[in-house]
Amino acid sequence: MKNSNKVFVLLSAAIGIMLFLRSEVGKIPNIPNDDFHKMLWTNASCGECHASNKQNALKDTHPSEEQCLSCHKMSDAFLGD
């Protein structure tokens, strides 16, 4: 394989990886912009609905339940109200 072909393949792969990382796949969802969630500002309050024994429980594959607000953020629309 010629060097120019190798460079093309590597650049194409790098661009593909960058596009994948910027896509919606794997993004952490924002906290919903609704009246109910506007009242909840602490990690503990998330457990009222998302604890393992609740109707809207987190999946078993979800990381630690105690640090919700370190990953999930308020949406821009939420902050603009």
N, C-alpha and C. Protein backbone atom coordinates (compact mmCIF):
# COMPACT_ATOMS: atom_id res chain seq x y z
N MET A 1 0.85 -1.18 0.00
CA MET A 1 0.00 0.00 0.00
C MET A 1 0.89 1.24 0.00
N LYS A 2 0.56 2.18 -0.85
CA LYS A 2 1.35 3.40 -0.94
C LYS A 2 1.16 4.25 0.31
N ASN A 3 2.17 5.06 0.60
CA ASN A 3 2.10 5.94 1.76
C ASN A 3 0.91 6.89 1.70
N SER A 4 0.58 7.40 0.51
CA SER A 4 -0.55 8.33 0.39
C SER A 4 -1.86 7.63 0.72
N ASN A 5 -1.98 6.36 0.37
CA ASN A 5 -3.18 5.60 0.71
C ASN A 5 -3.28 5.38 2.21
N LYS A 6 -2.15 5.10 2.86
CA LYS A 6 -2.14 4.90 4.30
C LYS A 6 -2.56 6.18 5.02
N VAL A 7 -2.04 7.31 4.56
CA VAL A 7 -2.38 8.60 5.16
C VAL A 7 -3.88 8.87 4.98
N PHE A 8 -4.41 8.59 3.80
CA PHE A 8 -5.83 8.80 3.54
C PHE A 8 -6.69 7.94 4.47
N VAL A 9 -6.32 6.68 4.63
CA VAL A 9 -7.08 5.78 5.49
C VAL A 9 -7.02 6.25 6.94
N LEU A 10 -5.85 6.65 7.41
CA LEU A 10 -5.71 7.13 8.78
C LEU A 10 -6.50 8.42 9.02
N LEU A 11 -6.44 9.35 8.08
CA LEU A 11 -7.20 10.59 8.21
C LEU A 11 -8.70 10.32 8.19
N SER A 12 -9.12 9.43 7.31
CA SER A 12 -10.55 9.08 7.25
C SER A 12 -11.02 8.46 8.56
N ALA A 13 -10.21 7.58 9.12
CA ALA A 13 -10.56 6.94 10.39
C ALA A 13 -10.62 7.99 11.50
N ALA A 14 -9.66 8.90 11.54
CA ALA A 14 -9.65 9.94 12.56
C ALA A 14 -10.88 10.83 12.45
N ILE A 15 -11.25 11.21 11.24
CA ILE A 15 -12.43 12.04 11.04
C ILE A 15 -13.69 11.28 11.46
N GLY A 16 -13.76 10.01 11.11
CA GLY A 16 -14.91 9.18 11.50
C GLY A 16 -15.05 9.08 13.01
N ILE A 17 -13.94 8.90 13.70
CA ILE A 17 -13.97 8.81 15.16
C ILE A 17 -14.41 10.14 15.76
N MET A 18 -13.89 11.24 15.25
CA MET A 18 -14.28 12.55 15.77
C MET A 18 -15.77 12.81 15.55
N LEU A 19 -16.30 12.45 14.39
CA LEU A 19 -17.72 12.63 14.13
C LEU A 19 -18.57 11.77 15.04
N PHE A 20 -18.12 10.55 15.29
CA PHE A 20 -18.85 9.66 16.20
C PHE A 20 -18.88 10.25 17.60
N LEU A 21 -17.76 10.75 18.08
CA LEU A 21 -17.70 11.31 19.42
C LEU A 21 -18.57 12.56 19.57
N ARG A 22 -18.76 13.30 18.49
CA ARG A 22 -19.59 14.51 18.54
C ARG A 22 -21.06 14.21 18.30
N SER A 23 -21.38 12.99 17.90
CA SER A 23 -22.76 12.64 17.60
C SER A 23 -23.57 12.52 18.88
N GLU A 24 -24.84 12.28 18.75
CA GLU A 24 -25.74 12.13 19.89
C GLU A 24 -25.50 10.82 20.63
N VAL A 25 -24.89 9.86 19.97
CA VAL A 25 -24.65 8.56 20.60
C VAL A 25 -23.72 8.73 21.78
N GLY A 26 -24.15 8.27 22.94
CA GLY A 26 -23.31 8.31 24.12
C GLY A 26 -23.32 9.62 24.88
N LYS A 27 -24.08 10.60 24.41
CA LYS A 27 -24.13 11.86 25.14
C LYS A 27 -24.95 11.70 26.41
N ILE A 28 -24.57 12.41 27.42
CA ILE A 28 -25.29 12.37 28.69
C ILE A 28 -26.50 13.30 28.57
N PRO A 29 -27.69 12.78 28.84
CA PRO A 29 -28.88 13.63 28.69
C PRO A 29 -28.94 14.73 29.73
N ASN A 30 -29.49 15.87 29.31
CA ASN A 30 -29.73 16.98 30.23
C ASN A 30 -30.89 16.64 31.16
N ILE A 31 -30.98 17.35 32.25
CA ILE A 31 -32.13 17.24 33.14
C ILE A 31 -33.32 17.83 32.39
N PRO A 32 -34.46 17.14 32.40
CA PRO A 32 -35.63 17.64 31.65
C PRO A 32 -36.03 19.06 32.07
N ASN A 33 -36.46 19.82 31.09
CA ASN A 33 -36.88 21.20 31.32
C ASN A 33 -38.39 21.22 31.59
N ASP A 34 -38.78 20.78 32.78
CA ASP A 34 -40.19 20.81 33.16
C ASP A 34 -40.32 21.35 34.58
N ASP A 35 -41.54 21.69 34.94
CA ASP A 35 -41.77 22.31 36.25
C ASP A 35 -41.35 21.42 37.40
N PHE A 36 -41.54 20.11 37.27
CA PHE A 36 -41.17 19.20 38.35
C PHE A 36 -39.66 19.22 38.61
N HIS A 37 -38.86 19.13 37.55
CA HIS A 37 -37.41 19.08 37.71
C HIS A 37 -36.81 20.43 38.11
N LYS A 38 -37.52 21.52 37.86
CA LYS A 38 -37.02 22.83 38.26
C LYS A 38 -36.92 22.95 39.77
N MET A 39 -37.70 22.14 40.50
CA MET A 39 -37.69 22.21 41.97
C MET A 39 -36.55 21.38 42.57
N LEU A 40 -35.89 20.56 41.78
CA LEU A 40 -34.89 19.63 42.29
C LEU A 40 -33.49 20.12 41.98
N TRP A 41 -32.75 20.47 43.00
CA TRP A 41 -31.41 21.02 42.77
C TRP A 41 -30.32 20.24 43.48
N THR A 42 -30.62 19.10 44.08
CA THR A 42 -29.61 18.33 44.79
C THR A 42 -29.59 16.90 44.29
N ASN A 43 -28.46 16.23 44.47
CA ASN A 43 -28.35 14.82 44.09
C ASN A 43 -29.36 13.97 44.86
N ALA A 44 -29.58 14.30 46.13
CA ALA A 44 -30.50 13.52 46.95
C ALA A 44 -31.93 13.59 46.41
N SER A 45 -32.31 14.72 45.87
CA SER A 45 -33.67 14.85 45.35
C SER A 45 -33.90 13.98 44.11
N CYS A 46 -32.88 13.65 43.38
CA CYS A 46 -33.02 12.78 42.21
C CYS A 46 -33.49 11.39 42.63
N GLY A 47 -33.02 10.94 43.80
CA GLY A 47 -33.37 9.62 44.30
C GLY A 47 -34.84 9.45 44.62
N GLU A 48 -35.56 10.56 44.76
CA GLU A 48 -36.99 10.47 45.04
C GLU A 48 -37.72 9.72 43.93
N CYS A 49 -37.23 9.78 42.72
CA CYS A 49 -37.85 9.07 41.59
C CYS A 49 -36.93 8.03 40.95
N HIS A 50 -35.63 8.23 41.05
CA HIS A 50 -34.69 7.40 40.29
C HIS A 50 -33.92 6.39 41.12
N ALA A 51 -34.27 6.21 42.40
CA ALA A 51 -33.63 5.18 43.23
C ALA A 51 -34.02 3.80 42.71
N SER A 52 -33.27 2.78 43.09
CA SER A 52 -33.46 1.44 42.54
C SER A 52 -34.84 0.86 42.82
N ASN A 53 -35.53 1.30 43.85
CA ASN A 53 -36.83 0.75 44.17
C ASN A 53 -37.99 1.62 43.69
N LYS A 54 -37.73 2.60 42.84
CA LYS A 54 -38.76 3.53 42.38
C LYS A 54 -39.19 3.20 40.95
N GLN A 55 -40.30 3.81 40.53
CA GLN A 55 -40.86 3.55 39.20
C GLN A 55 -39.90 3.96 38.08
N ASN A 56 -39.20 5.07 38.24
CA ASN A 56 -38.25 5.56 37.23
C ASN A 56 -36.81 5.25 37.63
N ALA A 57 -36.59 4.04 38.09
CA ALA A 57 -35.27 3.64 38.58
C ALA A 57 -34.23 3.67 37.47
N LEU A 58 -32.99 3.91 37.88
CA LEU A 58 -31.86 3.88 36.94
C LEU A 58 -31.60 2.45 36.50
N LYS A 59 -31.03 2.30 35.32
CA LYS A 59 -30.65 0.97 34.84
C LYS A 59 -29.51 0.43 35.69
N ASP A 60 -29.38 -0.88 35.72
CA ASP A 60 -28.31 -1.51 36.50
C ASP A 60 -26.92 -1.09 36.01
N THR A 61 -26.83 -0.71 34.75
CA THR A 61 -25.54 -0.32 34.16
C THR A 61 -25.18 1.14 34.45
N HIS A 62 -26.10 1.89 35.06
CA HIS A 62 -25.85 3.30 35.35
C HIS A 62 -24.80 3.43 36.45
N PRO A 63 -23.87 4.39 36.32
CA PRO A 63 -22.86 4.61 37.38
C PRO A 63 -23.50 5.06 38.69
N SER A 64 -22.69 5.33 39.64
CA SER A 64 -23.10 5.74 40.99
C SER A 64 -24.28 6.69 41.00
N GLU A 65 -25.21 6.43 41.91
CA GLU A 65 -26.41 7.26 42.01
C GLU A 65 -26.19 8.55 42.77
N GLU A 66 -25.11 8.68 43.48
CA GLU A 66 -24.92 9.82 44.37
C GLU A 66 -24.38 11.08 43.70
N GLN A 67 -24.04 11.02 42.44
CA GLN A 67 -23.40 12.17 41.80
C GLN A 67 -24.12 12.60 40.53
N CYS A 68 -25.42 12.65 40.57
CA CYS A 68 -26.23 12.96 39.39
C CYS A 68 -25.80 14.26 38.71
N LEU A 69 -25.66 15.31 39.51
CA LEU A 69 -25.43 16.63 38.95
C LEU A 69 -23.99 16.87 38.50
N SER A 70 -23.12 15.89 38.70
CA SER A 70 -21.77 16.03 38.15
C SER A 70 -21.75 15.65 36.67
N CYS A 71 -22.73 14.88 36.22
CA CYS A 71 -22.82 14.51 34.80
C CYS A 71 -24.01 15.15 34.10
N HIS A 72 -25.18 15.08 34.72
CA HIS A 72 -26.39 15.62 34.13
C HIS A 72 -26.49 17.11 34.47
N LYS A 73 -26.70 17.90 33.44
CA LYS A 73 -26.76 19.36 33.60
C LYS A 73 -28.13 19.88 33.23
N MET A 74 -28.43 21.08 33.67
CA MET A 74 -29.66 21.74 33.28
C MET A 74 -29.53 22.14 31.81
N SER A 75 -30.60 21.99 31.06
CA SER A 75 -30.57 22.39 29.65
C SER A 75 -30.49 23.91 29.57
N ASP A 76 -30.05 24.42 28.43
CA ASP A 76 -29.96 25.87 28.24
C ASP A 76 -31.31 26.54 28.41
N ALA A 77 -32.36 25.89 27.91
CA ALA A 77 -33.71 26.46 28.05
C ALA A 77 -34.10 26.55 29.52
N PHE A 78 -33.65 25.57 30.29
CA PHE A 78 -33.92 25.52 31.73
C PHE A 78 -33.28 26.73 32.41
N LEU A 79 -32.05 27.01 32.06
CA LEU A 79 -31.31 28.09 32.71
C LEU A 79 -31.81 29.46 32.27
N GLY A 80 -32.43 29.53 31.09
CA GLY A 80 -32.88 30.80 30.57
C GLY A 80 -34.20 31.27 31.13
N ASP A 81 -34.90 30.42 31.84
CA ASP A 81 -36.22 30.79 32.39
C ASP A 81 -36.10 31.79 33.50
